[in-house]
Amino acid sequence: MELRDIRNRLGTAVLAGGTAVVLASCTLPVRFATPEEVQQATNPTPVTVGGGGSAPAPAPGGLDQIQADLRRLISQVGPSVVRIDIGTASGSGLLLDSIGTVVTPASLVAGSQQVSITTSSGQKYTGFVAGADTNSDVALVRVSGATGLIPAPFGDSTGVQIGDVVVSIGSHTVSQGIVSEIVSGRIVTAAPAGSDSSGSALVNIAGEVIGMTTLGSAGASVLGNAIPSNQVNTVAQQLLKGGSPTPSRKAFLGVSLTDATGGGAQVQSVIAGGPAATAGIQSGWTILAIGGHSVSNAAAVAPILATYAPGQRVAVTVRLPNGSTRSIQVLLGSG
């Protein structure tokens, strides 16, 4: 029996009770409801289906399903997110391995060499800033004596698209939204960013970390801003090796980009006299690859360029509006 039928029966019972009260003031003989009937009307016996047992619970869906999915993502990724305390400031970091190597925004730990680390299970460690790259806003923190920690499940950020549903999971903050735009190699989301949300994991619906949130040096933001996971991993691995992940100046292509229909990064405009313009790249063309690295969308370009230095030559594969493709050698500039 449906809930609507139950409500209709209850309404009939209540109406009957009200009618009995009105008729009590009349001279006609009236039968009042018995206490058992009143009890049944106000607290009906649960409806049974199929000859016995309570009615089955509603099938999963709607808000219940969304809530279940969010809880699943939080339980899946949460153990890989640690809290970082630096004096009176705090934020988060993501575990790279089981022994306590943590990646976090360089802007969060700027000027500090020692920080406090707290895992999701409450374990506390002293962490030391092992390296930082201010250009990419990525820093590395190491602790000693840690074992059995859970590395973050990083995914491929080149597949991120505008409109993707994402969840920002920090050590003590969680928010949910969609990817609203991709600007200058950063993933901008509608997931609200609080003052202590820097270093949170930006997670897709598959439970993969596709970015690390950052508030930058200003320490405040209304919309979420995340460094793509591919860039986070590239810089972190270079810091682990003790190298300089990026030169003091970034490799510069000299174009503004947007996601292209069918994949790739479409050139919206070309800076006059810049590397792309000098090489002959034009607006309306679509970048498909840089140095052999596939470009699936506009967000994929910055992490690829981060692996090059100004002054290096790189092959850029483009698709023209007529559908033809060509490979163009570009001398990267300094930006």
C-alpha atoms as a PDB file:
ATOM      1  CA  MET A   1       0.000   0.000   0.000  1.00  0.00           C
ATOM      2  CA  GLU A   2       1.401   3.419  -0.875  1.00  0.00           C
ATOM      3  CA  LEU A   3       2.012   6.255   1.588  1.00  0.00           C
ATOM      4  CA  ARG A   4      -0.732   8.280  -0.147  1.00  0.00           C
ATOM      5  CA  ASP A   5      -3.292   5.554   0.619  1.00  0.00           C
ATOM      6  CA  ILE A   6      -2.212   5.551   4.269  1.00  0.00           C
ATOM      7  CA  ARG A   7      -2.619   9.328   4.481  1.00  0.00           C
ATOM      8  CA  ASN A   8      -6.077   9.083   2.865  1.00  0.00           C
ATOM      9  CA  ARG A   9      -7.189   6.516   5.439  1.00  0.00           C
ATOM     10  CA  LEU A  10      -5.841   8.645   8.275  1.00  0.00           C
ATOM     11  CA  GLY A  11      -7.647  11.668   6.869  1.00  0.00           C
ATOM     12  CA  THR A  12     -10.905   9.692   6.707  1.00  0.00           C
ATOM     13  CA  ALA A  13     -10.479   8.513  10.289  1.00  0.00           C
ATOM     14  CA  VAL A  14      -9.790  12.026  11.581  1.00  0.00           C
ATOM     15  CA  LEU A  15     -12.745  13.402   9.617  1.00  0.00           C
ATOM     16  CA  ALA A  16     -14.980  10.716  11.075  1.00  0.00           C
ATOM     17  CA  GLY A  17     -13.806  11.651  14.552  1.00  0.00           C
ATOM     18  CA  GLY A  18     -14.570  15.313  13.901  1.00  0.00           C
ATOM     19  CA  THR A  19     -18.034  14.438  12.582  1.00  0.00           C
ATOM     20  CA  ALA A  20     -18.743  12.452  15.738  1.00  0.00           C
ATOM     21  CA  VAL A  21     -17.941  15.480  17.905  1.00  0.00           C
ATOM     22  CA  VAL A  22     -20.269  17.718  15.899  1.00  0.00           C
ATOM     23  CA  LEU A  23     -23.096  15.188  15.958  1.00  0.00           C
ATOM     24  CA  ALA A  24     -22.745  14.826  19.715  1.00  0.00           C
ATOM     25  CA  SER A  25     -24.461  18.200  20.072  1.00  0.00           C
ATOM     26  CA  CYS A  26     -27.470  16.983  18.057  1.00  0.00           C
ATOM     27  CA  THR A  27     -30.445  14.988  19.297  1.00  0.00           C
ATOM     28  CA  LEU A  28     -29.950  12.108  16.882  1.00  0.00           C
ATOM     29  CA  PRO A  29     -28.501   8.883  18.334  1.00  0.00           C
ATOM     30  CA  VAL A  30     -24.790   8.744  17.525  1.00  0.00           C
ATOM     31  CA  ARG A  31     -22.218   5.978  18.077  1.00  0.00           C
ATOM     32  CA  PHE A  32     -18.911   7.386  19.347  1.00  0.00           C
ATOM     33  CA  ALA A  33     -15.627   5.782  18.343  1.00  0.00           C
ATOM     34  CA  THR A  34     -14.305   3.262  20.827  1.00  0.00           C
ATOM     35  CA  PRO A  35     -10.895   3.872  22.496  1.00  0.00           C
ATOM     36  CA  GLU A  36      -9.461   1.086  20.304  1.00  0.00           C
ATOM     37  CA  GLU A  37     -10.743   2.806  17.138  1.00  0.00           C
ATOM     38  CA  VAL A  38      -9.292   6.159  18.235  1.00  0.00           C
ATOM     39  CA  GLN A  39      -5.954   4.492  18.933  1.00  0.00           C
ATOM     40  CA  GLN A  40      -5.977   2.848  15.470  1.00  0.00           C
ATOM     41  CA  ALA A  41      -6.793   6.169  13.776  1.00  0.00           C
ATOM     42  CA  THR A  42      -4.051   8.130  15.531  1.00  0.00           C
ATOM     43  CA  ASN A  43      -1.443   5.386  15.613  1.00  0.00           C
ATOM     44  CA  PRO A  44      -2.263   2.904  12.831  1.00  0.00           C
ATOM     45  CA  THR A  45      -0.854  -0.566  12.634  1.00  0.00           C
ATOM     46  CA  PRO A  46       2.064  -0.731  10.158  1.00  0.00           C
ATOM     47  CA  VAL A  47       0.933  -1.799   6.719  1.00  0.00           C
ATOM     48  CA  THR A  48       2.151  -5.217   5.656  1.00  0.00           C
ATOM     49  CA  VAL A  49       2.954  -6.406   2.171  1.00  0.00           C
ATOM     50  CA  GLY A  50       2.731  -9.947   0.841  1.00  0.00           C
ATOM     51  CA  GLY A  51       1.056 -11.430   3.861  1.00  0.00           C
ATOM     52  CA  GLY A  52       3.536 -10.421   6.568  1.00  0.00           C
ATOM     53  CA  GLY A  53       6.405  -8.173   7.632  1.00  0.00           C
ATOM     54  CA  SER A  54       6.851  -4.423   7.393  1.00  0.00           C
ATOM     55  CA  ALA A  55       6.839  -2.564   4.093  1.00  0.00           C
ATOM     56  CA  PRO A  56      10.286  -2.541   2.470  1.00  0.00           C
ATOM     57  CA  ALA A  57      12.476   0.537   2.742  1.00  0.00           C
ATOM     58  CA  PRO A  58      12.441   2.883  -0.258  1.00  0.00           C
ATOM     59  CA  ALA A  59      14.911   2.007  -2.980  1.00  0.00           C
ATOM     60  CA  PRO A  60      18.157   4.005  -2.847  1.00  0.00           C
ATOM     61  CA  GLY A  61      18.029   7.251  -4.779  1.00  0.00           C
ATOM     62  CA  GLY A  62      17.649  10.991  -4.530  1.00  0.00           C
ATOM     63  CA  LEU A  63      19.150  12.708  -1.508  1.00  0.00           C
ATOM     64  CA  ASP A  64      19.735   9.416   0.314  1.00  0.00           C
ATOM     65  CA  GLN A  65      21.955   8.200  -2.523  1.00  0.00           C
ATOM     66  CA  ILE A  66      23.838  11.500  -2.734  1.00  0.00           C
ATOM     67  CA  GLN A  67      24.484  11.394   0.993  1.00  0.00           C
ATOM     68  CA  ALA A  68      25.690   7.806   0.790  1.00  0.00           C
ATOM     69  CA  ASP A  69      28.038   8.664  -2.073  1.00  0.00           C
ATOM     70  CA  LEU A  70      29.498  11.647  -0.222  1.00  0.00           C
ATOM     71  CA  ARG A  71      30.106   9.545   2.882  1.00  0.00           C
ATOM     72  CA  ARG A  72      31.791   6.902   0.733  1.00  0.00           C
ATOM     73  CA  LEU A  73      34.143   9.460  -0.829  1.00  0.00           C
ATOM     74  CA  ILE A  74      35.017  10.968   2.540  1.00  0.00           C
ATOM     75  CA  SER A  75      35.740   7.571   4.111  1.00  0.00           C
ATOM     76  CA  GLN A  76      37.774   6.553   1.070  1.00  0.00           C
ATOM     77  CA  VAL A  77      39.986   9.644   0.797  1.00  0.00           C
ATOM     78  CA  GLY A  78      39.826  11.097   4.327  1.00  0.00           C
ATOM     79  CA  PRO A  79      42.523   8.809   5.818  1.00  0.00           C
ATOM     80  CA  SER A  80      44.998  10.152   3.217  1.00  0.00           C
ATOM     81  CA  VAL A  81      44.482  13.776   4.285  1.00  0.00           C
ATOM     82  CA  VAL A  82      46.455  15.154   7.240  1.00  0.00           C
ATOM     83  CA  ARG A  83      46.106  18.331   9.262  1.00  0.00           C
ATOM     84  CA  ILE A  84      49.008  20.766   9.177  1.00  0.00           C
ATOM     85  CA  ASP A  85      49.415  23.360  11.931  1.00  0.00           C
ATOM     86  CA  ILE A  86      51.828  26.255  11.540  1.00  0.00           C
ATOM     87  CA  GLY A  87      51.606  28.530  14.566  1.00  0.00           C
ATOM     88  CA  THR A  88      48.073  29.911  14.611  1.00  0.00           C
ATOM     89  CA  ALA A  89      47.376  28.916  11.004  1.00  0.00           C
ATOM     90  CA  SER A  90      46.232  25.512   9.823  1.00  0.00           C
ATOM     91  CA  GLY A  91      45.441  23.654   6.641  1.00  0.00           C
ATOM     92  CA  SER A  92      45.797  20.219   5.124  1.00  0.00           C
ATOM     93  CA  GLY A  93      48.217  18.044   3.209  1.00  0.00           C
ATOM     94  CA  LEU A  94      48.036  14.856   1.149  1.00  0.00           C
ATOM     95  CA  LEU A  95      50.014  11.714   1.904  1.00  0.00           C
ATOM     96  CA  LEU A  96      52.280  10.532  -0.911  1.00  0.00           C
ATOM     97  CA  ASP A  97      53.404   7.323   0.793  1.00  0.00           C
ATOM     98  CA  SER A  98      52.955   5.182   3.903  1.00  0.00           C
ATOM     99  CA  ILE A  99      55.886   6.709   5.817  1.00  0.00           C
ATOM    100  CA  GLY A 100      54.644  10.270   6.040  1.00  0.00           C
ATOM    101  CA  THR A 101      55.775  12.180   2.964  1.00  0.00           C
ATOM    102  CA  VAL A 102      53.219  14.940   2.583  1.00  0.00           C
ATOM    103  CA  VAL A 103      52.505  17.377  -0.251  1.00  0.00           C
ATOM    104  CA  THR A 104      50.893  20.699   0.647  1.00  0.00           C
ATOM    105  CA  PRO A 105      50.673  24.232  -0.784  1.00  0.00           C
ATOM    106  CA  ALA A 106      53.941  26.167  -0.536  1.00  0.00           C
ATOM    107  CA  SER A 107      51.899  29.226   0.405  1.00  0.00           C
ATOM    108  CA  LEU A 108      50.613  27.395   3.504  1.00  0.00           C
ATOM    109  CA  VAL A 109      54.066  26.604   4.918  1.00  0.00           C
ATOM    110  CA  ALA A 110      55.876  29.685   3.589  1.00  0.00           C
ATOM    111  CA  GLY A 111      58.586  30.851   6.011  1.00  0.00           C
ATOM    112  CA  SER A 112      58.340  27.704   8.153  1.00  0.00           C
ATOM    113  CA  GLN A 113      60.769  24.833   8.434  1.00  0.00           C
ATOM    114  CA  GLN A 114      58.904  22.830  11.061  1.00  0.00           C
ATOM    115  CA  VAL A 115      55.176  22.068  11.236  1.00  0.00           C
ATOM    116  CA  SER A 116      52.837  19.839  13.233  1.00  0.00           C
ATOM    117  CA  ILE A 117      51.162  16.946  11.427  1.00  0.00           C
ATOM    118  CA  THR A 118      48.033  15.154  12.655  1.00  0.00           C
ATOM    119  CA  THR A 119      46.610  12.164  10.788  1.00  0.00           C
ATOM    120  CA  SER A 120      42.914  11.358  10.479  1.00  0.00           C
ATOM    121  CA  SER A 121      43.315   8.746  13.217  1.00  0.00           C
ATOM    122  CA  GLY A 122      44.804  11.312  15.601  1.00  0.00           C
ATOM    123  CA  GLN A 123      48.491  10.366  15.341  1.00  0.00           C
ATOM    124  CA  LYS A 124      50.738  13.403  15.788  1.00  0.00           C
ATOM    125  CA  TYR A 125      54.139  13.973  14.207  1.00  0.00           C
ATOM    126  CA  THR A 126      56.625  16.758  13.758  1.00  0.00           C
ATOM    127  CA  GLY A 127      57.128  17.519  10.092  1.00  0.00           C
ATOM    128  CA  PHE A 128      59.984  19.296   8.351  1.00  0.00           C
ATOM    129  CA  VAL A 129      59.601  21.252   5.113  1.00  0.00           C
ATOM    130  CA  ALA A 130      61.887  19.376   2.735  1.00  0.00           C
ATOM    131  CA  GLY A 131      61.402  21.597  -0.297  1.00  0.00           C
ATOM    132  CA  ALA A 132      59.064  24.091  -1.897  1.00  0.00           C
ATOM    133  CA  ASP A 133      58.365  25.578  -5.291  1.00  0.00           C
ATOM    134  CA  THR A 134      56.608  28.931  -5.106  1.00  0.00           C
ATOM    135  CA  ASN A 135      55.916  29.026  -8.854  1.00  0.00           C
ATOM    136  CA  SER A 136      53.643  25.991  -8.707  1.00  0.00           C
ATOM    137  CA  ASP A 137      52.696  26.525  -5.019  1.00  0.00           C
ATOM    138  CA  VAL A 138      53.734  22.995  -4.096  1.00  0.00           C
ATOM    139  CA  ALA A 139      55.782  22.040  -1.029  1.00  0.00           C
ATOM    140  CA  LEU A 140      56.996  18.785   0.459  1.00  0.00           C
ATOM    141  CA  VAL A 141      56.884  17.917   4.166  1.00  0.00           C
ATOM    142  CA  ARG A 142      58.513  14.863   5.724  1.00  0.00           C
ATOM    143  CA  VAL A 143      58.000  13.224   9.114  1.00  0.00           C
ATOM    144  CA  SER A 144      60.079  10.560  10.833  1.00  0.00           C
ATOM    145  CA  GLY A 145      58.918   7.402  12.544  1.00  0.00           C
ATOM    146  CA  ALA A 146      55.618   7.063  10.682  1.00  0.00           C
ATOM    147  CA  THR A 147      54.467   3.748   9.206  1.00  0.00           C
ATOM    148  CA  GLY A 148      51.271   2.272   7.835  1.00  0.00           C
ATOM    149  CA  LEU A 149      49.815   5.540   6.580  1.00  0.00           C
ATOM    150  CA  ILE A 150      47.494   5.533   3.551  1.00  0.00           C
ATOM    151  CA  PRO A 151      48.706   7.339   0.400  1.00  0.00           C
ATOM    152  CA  ALA A 152      46.210   9.494  -1.449  1.00  0.00           C
ATOM    153  CA  PRO A 153      44.623   7.854  -4.524  1.00  0.00           C
ATOM    154  CA  PHE A 154      45.775  10.341  -7.166  1.00  0.00           C
ATOM    155  CA  GLY A 155      44.024  10.362 -10.538  1.00  0.00           C
ATOM    156  CA  ASP A 156      44.787  11.879 -13.941  1.00  0.00           C
ATOM    157  CA  SER A 157      43.811  15.559 -13.950  1.00  0.00           C
ATOM    158  CA  THR A 158      43.954  15.870 -17.740  1.00  0.00           C
ATOM    159  CA  GLY A 159      40.452  14.422 -17.887  1.00  0.00           C
ATOM    160  CA  VAL A 160      38.902  17.172 -15.753  1.00  0.00           C
ATOM    161  CA  GLN A 161      36.124  19.063 -17.541  1.00  0.00           C
ATOM    162  CA  ILE A 162      33.899  22.019 -16.736  1.00  0.00           C
ATOM    163  CA  GLY A 163      30.747  20.772 -15.015  1.00  0.00           C
ATOM    164  CA  ASP A 164      32.427  17.794 -13.322  1.00  0.00           C
ATOM    165  CA  VAL A 165      31.097  17.134  -9.814  1.00  0.00           C
ATOM    166  CA  VAL A 166      33.884  17.399  -7.221  1.00  0.00           C
ATOM    167  CA  VAL A 167      34.255  17.185  -3.452  1.00  0.00           C
ATOM    168  CA  SER A 168      36.897  19.082  -1.488  1.00  0.00           C
ATOM    169  CA  ILE A 169      38.020  16.952   1.464  1.00  0.00           C
ATOM    170  CA  GLY A 170      40.241  18.603   4.059  1.00  0.00           C
ATOM    171  CA  SER A 171      41.419  17.493   7.466  1.00  0.00           C
ATOM    172  CA  HIS A 172      38.487  19.247   9.108  1.00  0.00           C
ATOM    173  CA  THR A 173      36.436  20.743   6.272  1.00  0.00           C
ATOM    174  CA  VAL A 174      34.393  19.217   3.457  1.00  0.00           C
ATOM    175  CA  SER A 175      32.548  21.000   0.636  1.00  0.00           C
ATOM    176  CA  GLN A 176      30.955  19.931  -2.628  1.00  0.00           C
ATOM    177  CA  GLY A 177      30.420  21.638  -5.990  1.00  0.00           C
ATOM    178  CA  ILE A 178      31.310  21.482  -9.668  1.00  0.00           C
ATOM    179  CA  VAL A 179      34.262  22.559 -11.793  1.00  0.00           C
ATOM    180  CA  SER A 180      33.211  26.038 -12.901  1.00  0.00           C
ATOM    181  CA  GLU A 181      36.219  26.978 -15.026  1.00  0.00           C
ATOM    182  CA  ILE A 182      39.846  26.197 -15.756  1.00  0.00           C
ATOM    183  CA  VAL A 183      42.058  29.274 -15.687  1.00  0.00           C
ATOM    184  CA  SER A 184      45.831  29.535 -16.079  1.00  0.00           C
ATOM    185  CA  GLY A 185      46.223  25.840 -15.375  1.00  0.00           C
ATOM    186  CA  ARG A 186      44.188  25.959 -12.162  1.00  0.00           C
ATOM    187  CA  ILE A 187      40.912  24.147 -11.527  1.00  0.00           C
ATOM    188  CA  VAL A 188      38.321  26.612 -10.228  1.00  0.00           C
ATOM    189  CA  THR A 189      35.321  25.071  -8.493  1.00  0.00           C
ATOM    190  CA  ALA A 190      32.063  26.134  -6.910  1.00  0.00           C
ATOM    191  CA  ALA A 191      33.018  24.162  -3.784  1.00  0.00           C
ATOM    192  CA  PRO A 192      33.347  26.874  -1.101  1.00  0.00           C
ATOM    193  CA  ALA A 193      36.850  27.469   0.257  1.00  0.00           C
ATOM    194  CA  GLY A 194      37.287  28.335   3.934  1.00  0.00           C
ATOM    195  CA  SER A 195      40.252  29.995   5.608  1.00  0.00           C
ATOM    196  CA  ASP A 196      41.639  26.610   6.715  1.00  0.00           C
ATOM    197  CA  SER A 197      40.850  24.596   3.569  1.00  0.00           C
ATOM    198  CA  SER A 198      44.197  25.063   1.806  1.00  0.00           C
ATOM    199  CA  GLY A 199      45.804  21.711   0.982  1.00  0.00           C
ATOM    200  CA  SER A 200      42.533  19.774   0.765  1.00  0.00           C
ATOM    201  CA  ALA A 201      42.039  16.937  -1.692  1.00  0.00           C
ATOM    202  CA  LEU A 202      39.859  17.786  -4.677  1.00  0.00           C
ATOM    203  CA  VAL A 203      38.146  14.485  -5.463  1.00  0.00           C
ATOM    204  CA  ASN A 204      36.089  13.339  -8.450  1.00  0.00           C
ATOM    205  CA  ILE A 205      33.081  11.009  -8.213  1.00  0.00           C
ATOM    206  CA  ALA A 206      35.344   7.997  -8.775  1.00  0.00           C
ATOM    207  CA  GLY A 207      37.170   8.765  -5.527  1.00  0.00           C
ATOM    208  CA  GLU A 208      40.363   9.961  -7.246  1.00  0.00           C
ATOM    209  CA  VAL A 209      42.318  13.022  -6.138  1.00  0.00           C
ATOM    210  CA  ILE A 210      42.444  15.252  -9.214  1.00  0.00           C
ATOM    211  CA  GLY A 211      43.712  18.390  -7.496  1.00  0.00           C
ATOM    212  CA  MET A 212      45.003  20.025  -4.321  1.00  0.00           C
ATOM    213  CA  THR A 213      43.229  23.160  -3.170  1.00  0.00           C
ATOM    214  CA  THR A 214      45.138  26.320  -2.378  1.00  0.00           C
ATOM    215  CA  LEU A 215      44.232  29.731  -1.045  1.00  0.00           C
ATOM    216  CA  GLY A 216      47.487  31.215  -2.328  1.00  0.00           C
ATOM    217  CA  SER A 217      49.492  33.838  -0.515  1.00  0.00           C
ATOM    218  CA  ALA A 218      46.361  35.908   0.189  1.00  0.00           C
ATOM    219  CA  GLY A 219      45.042  33.093   2.392  1.00  0.00           C
ATOM    220  CA  ALA A 220      41.426  33.635   1.410  1.00  0.00           C
ATOM    221  CA  SER A 221      39.122  32.710  -1.444  1.00  0.00           C
ATOM    222  CA  VAL A 222      35.419  32.520  -2.162  1.00  0.00           C
ATOM    223  CA  LEU A 223      35.625  29.863  -4.870  1.00  0.00           C
ATOM    224  CA  GLY A 224      37.810  26.793  -4.633  1.00  0.00           C
ATOM    225  CA  ASN A 225      41.111  26.963  -6.497  1.00  0.00           C
ATOM    226  CA  ALA A 226      43.062  23.755  -7.040  1.00  0.00           C
ATOM    227  CA  ILE A 227      46.412  22.774  -8.504  1.00  0.00           C
ATOM    228  CA  PRO A 228      45.873  19.857 -10.945  1.00  0.00           C
ATOM    229  CA  SER A 229      47.032  16.516  -9.539  1.00  0.00           C
ATOM    230  CA  ASN A 230      49.415  15.844 -12.431  1.00  0.00           C
ATOM    231  CA  GLN A 231      51.272  19.056 -11.669  1.00  0.00           C
ATOM    232  CA  VAL A 232      51.274  18.306  -7.928  1.00  0.00           C
ATOM    233  CA  ASN A 233      52.823  14.899  -8.558  1.00  0.00           C
ATOM    234  CA  THR A 234      55.381  16.155 -11.089  1.00  0.00           C
ATOM    235  CA  VAL A 235      56.659  18.894  -8.790  1.00  0.00           C
ATOM    236  CA  ALA A 236      56.580  16.642  -5.713  1.00  0.00           C
ATOM    237  CA  GLN A 237      58.663  13.958  -7.429  1.00  0.00           C
ATOM    238  CA  GLN A 238      61.241  16.541  -8.490  1.00  0.00           C
ATOM    239  CA  LEU A 239      61.393  17.896  -4.938  1.00  0.00           C
ATOM    240  CA  LEU A 240      61.857  14.344  -3.630  1.00  0.00           C
ATOM    241  CA  LYS A 241      64.897  14.018  -5.887  1.00  0.00           C
ATOM    242  CA  GLY A 242      66.310  17.223  -4.462  1.00  0.00           C
ATOM    243  CA  GLY A 243      66.030  19.092  -7.733  1.00  0.00           C
ATOM    244  CA  SER A 244      64.480  22.403  -8.666  1.00  0.00           C
ATOM    245  CA  PRO A 245      61.079  21.546 -10.117  1.00  0.00           C
ATOM    246  CA  THR A 246      60.717  24.680 -12.173  1.00  0.00           C
ATOM    247  CA  PRO A 247      63.121  27.450 -13.107  1.00  0.00           C
ATOM    248  CA  SER A 248      62.839  30.849 -11.477  1.00  0.00           C
ATOM    249  CA  ARG A 249      60.664  31.791 -14.456  1.00  0.00           C
ATOM    250  CA  LYS A 250      57.934  29.637 -16.008  1.00  0.00           C
ATOM    251  CA  ALA A 251      58.003  28.341 -19.567  1.00  0.00           C
ATOM    252  CA  PHE A 252      55.647  30.562 -21.526  1.00  0.00           C
ATOM    253  CA  LEU A 253      53.636  29.721 -24.664  1.00  0.00           C
ATOM    254  CA  GLY A 254      51.811  33.012 -25.086  1.00  0.00           C
ATOM    255  CA  VAL A 255      48.213  31.922 -25.681  1.00  0.00           C
ATOM    256  CA  SER A 256      44.880  31.956 -23.896  1.00  0.00           C
ATOM    257  CA  LEU A 257      43.011  28.659 -24.062  1.00  0.00           C
ATOM    258  CA  THR A 258      39.614  27.083 -23.607  1.00  0.00           C
ATOM    259  CA  ASP A 259      38.359  23.500 -23.815  1.00  0.00           C
ATOM    260  CA  ALA A 260      37.844  22.393 -27.419  1.00  0.00           C
ATOM    261  CA  THR A 261      34.865  20.363 -28.560  1.00  0.00           C
ATOM    262  CA  GLY A 262      36.060  16.821 -29.090  1.00  0.00           C
ATOM    263  CA  GLY A 263      39.165  17.238 -26.934  1.00  0.00           C
ATOM    264  CA  GLY A 264      42.217  19.449 -26.917  1.00  0.00           C
ATOM    265  CA  ALA A 265      42.787  23.095 -25.960  1.00  0.00           C
ATOM    266  CA  GLN A 266      41.453  25.682 -28.376  1.00  0.00           C
ATOM    267  CA  VAL A 267      43.493  28.857 -28.809  1.00  0.00           C
ATOM    268  CA  GLN A 268      41.271  31.835 -28.030  1.00  0.00           C
ATOM    269  CA  SER A 269      43.918  34.492 -28.548  1.00  0.00           C
ATOM    270  CA  VAL A 270      47.637  34.743 -29.264  1.00  0.00           C
ATOM    271  CA  ILE A 271      49.910  37.293 -27.623  1.00  0.00           C
ATOM    272  CA  ALA A 272      51.579  39.388 -30.300  1.00  0.00           C
ATOM    273  CA  GLY A 273      55.306  38.732 -30.452  1.00  0.00           C
ATOM    274  CA  GLY A 274      55.019  35.755 -28.067  1.00  0.00           C
ATOM    275  CA  PRO A 275      56.410  32.255 -28.650  1.00  0.00           C
ATOM    276  CA  ALA A 276      53.211  30.873 -30.210  1.00  0.00           C
ATOM    277  CA  ALA A 277      52.726  33.885 -32.484  1.00  0.00           C
ATOM    278  CA  THR A 278      56.354  33.747 -33.603  1.00  0.00           C
ATOM    279  CA  ALA A 279      55.937  30.050 -34.452  1.00  0.00           C
ATOM    280  CA  GLY A 280      52.806  30.782 -36.496  1.00  0.00           C
ATOM    281  CA  ILE A 281      50.118  29.417 -34.204  1.00  0.00           C
ATOM    282  CA  GLN A 282      46.795  31.193 -34.702  1.00  0.00           C
ATOM    283  CA  SER A 283      43.602  31.706 -32.733  1.00  0.00           C
ATOM    284  CA  GLY A 284      40.953  29.108 -33.556  1.00  0.00           C
ATOM    285  CA  TRP A 285      43.520  26.334 -33.787  1.00  0.00           C
ATOM    286  CA  THR A 286      43.391  23.470 -31.279  1.00  0.00           C
ATOM    287  CA  ILE A 287      46.450  22.217 -29.392  1.00  0.00           C
ATOM    288  CA  LEU A 288      46.426  18.411 -29.313  1.00  0.00           C
ATOM    289  CA  ALA A 289      49.873  17.656 -27.848  1.00  0.00           C
ATOM    290  CA  ILE A 290      52.983  19.369 -26.482  1.00  0.00           C
ATOM    291  CA  GLY A 291      56.274  17.531 -26.677  1.00  0.00           C
ATOM    292  CA  GLY A 292      54.460  14.250 -27.260  1.00  0.00           C
ATOM    293  CA  HIS A 293      52.238  14.732 -24.181  1.00  0.00           C
ATOM    294  CA  SER A 294      48.557  14.514 -25.099  1.00  0.00           C
ATOM    295  CA  VAL A 295      46.471  17.618 -24.353  1.00  0.00           C
ATOM    296  CA  SER A 296      42.904  16.618 -23.533  1.00  0.00           C
ATOM    297  CA  ASN A 297      41.723  20.075 -22.467  1.00  0.00           C
ATOM    298  CA  ALA A 298      42.919  23.540 -21.462  1.00  0.00           C
ATOM    299  CA  ALA A 299      43.871  22.430 -17.931  1.00  0.00           C
ATOM    300  CA  ALA A 300      46.401  19.945 -19.303  1.00  0.00           C
ATOM    301  CA  VAL A 301      48.659  22.594 -20.836  1.00  0.00           C
ATOM    302  CA  ALA A 302      50.121  24.253 -17.704  1.00  0.00           C
ATOM    303  CA  PRO A 303      51.298  20.998 -16.035  1.00  0.00           C
ATOM    304  CA  ILE A 304      53.043  20.015 -19.266  1.00  0.00           C
ATOM    305  CA  LEU A 305      54.734  23.405 -19.637  1.00  0.00           C
ATOM    306  CA  ALA A 306      55.840  23.159 -15.984  1.00  0.00           C
ATOM    307  CA  THR A 307      58.221  20.364 -17.002  1.00  0.00           C
ATOM    308  CA  TYR A 308      60.015  22.643 -19.496  1.00  0.00           C
ATOM    309  CA  ALA A 309      62.335  25.596 -19.028  1.00  0.00           C
ATOM    310  CA  PRO A 310      62.249  28.905 -20.914  1.00  0.00           C
ATOM    311  CA  GLY A 311      64.453  28.720 -23.985  1.00  0.00           C
ATOM    312  CA  GLN A 312      63.661  25.082 -24.740  1.00  0.00           C
ATOM    313  CA  ARG A 313      62.202  24.070 -28.091  1.00  0.00           C
ATOM    314  CA  VAL A 314      59.128  21.870 -28.045  1.00  0.00           C
ATOM    315  CA  ALA A 315      56.915  20.327 -30.734  1.00  0.00           C
ATOM    316  CA  VAL A 316      53.315  21.507 -30.516  1.00  0.00           C
ATOM    317  CA  THR A 317      50.758  19.442 -32.426  1.00  0.00           C
ATOM    318  CA  VAL A 318      47.746  21.468 -33.550  1.00  0.00           C
ATOM    319  CA  ARG A 319      44.516  20.847 -35.414  1.00  0.00           C
ATOM    320  CA  LEU A 320      43.383  23.524 -37.860  1.00  0.00           C
ATOM    321  CA  PRO A 321      39.726  24.513 -38.373  1.00  0.00           C
ATOM    322  CA  ASN A 322      39.703  22.534 -41.645  1.00  0.00           C
ATOM    323  CA  GLY A 323      40.504  19.356 -39.693  1.00  0.00           C
ATOM    324  CA  SER A 324      44.123  18.975 -40.788  1.00  0.00           C
ATOM    325  CA  THR A 325      46.913  18.628 -38.236  1.00  0.00           C
ATOM    326  CA  ARG A 326      50.501  19.789 -38.151  1.00  0.00           C
ATOM    327  CA  SER A 327      53.466  19.801 -35.769  1.00  0.00           C
ATOM    328  CA  ILE A 328      55.079  23.162 -35.062  1.00  0.00           C
ATOM    329  CA  GLN A 329      58.381  23.801 -33.282  1.00  0.00           C
ATOM    330  CA  VAL A 330      57.969  26.506 -30.618  1.00  0.00           C
ATOM    331  CA  LEU A 331      60.779  28.221 -28.723  1.00  0.00           C
ATOM    332  CA  LEU A 332      59.312  28.633 -25.229  1.00  0.00           C
ATOM    333  CA  GLY A 333      59.528  32.040 -23.660  1.00  0.00           C
ATOM    334  CA  SER A 334      59.790  33.151 -20.043  1.00  0.00           C
ATOM    335  CA  GLY A 335      56.640  34.112 -18.221  1.00  0.00           C
END
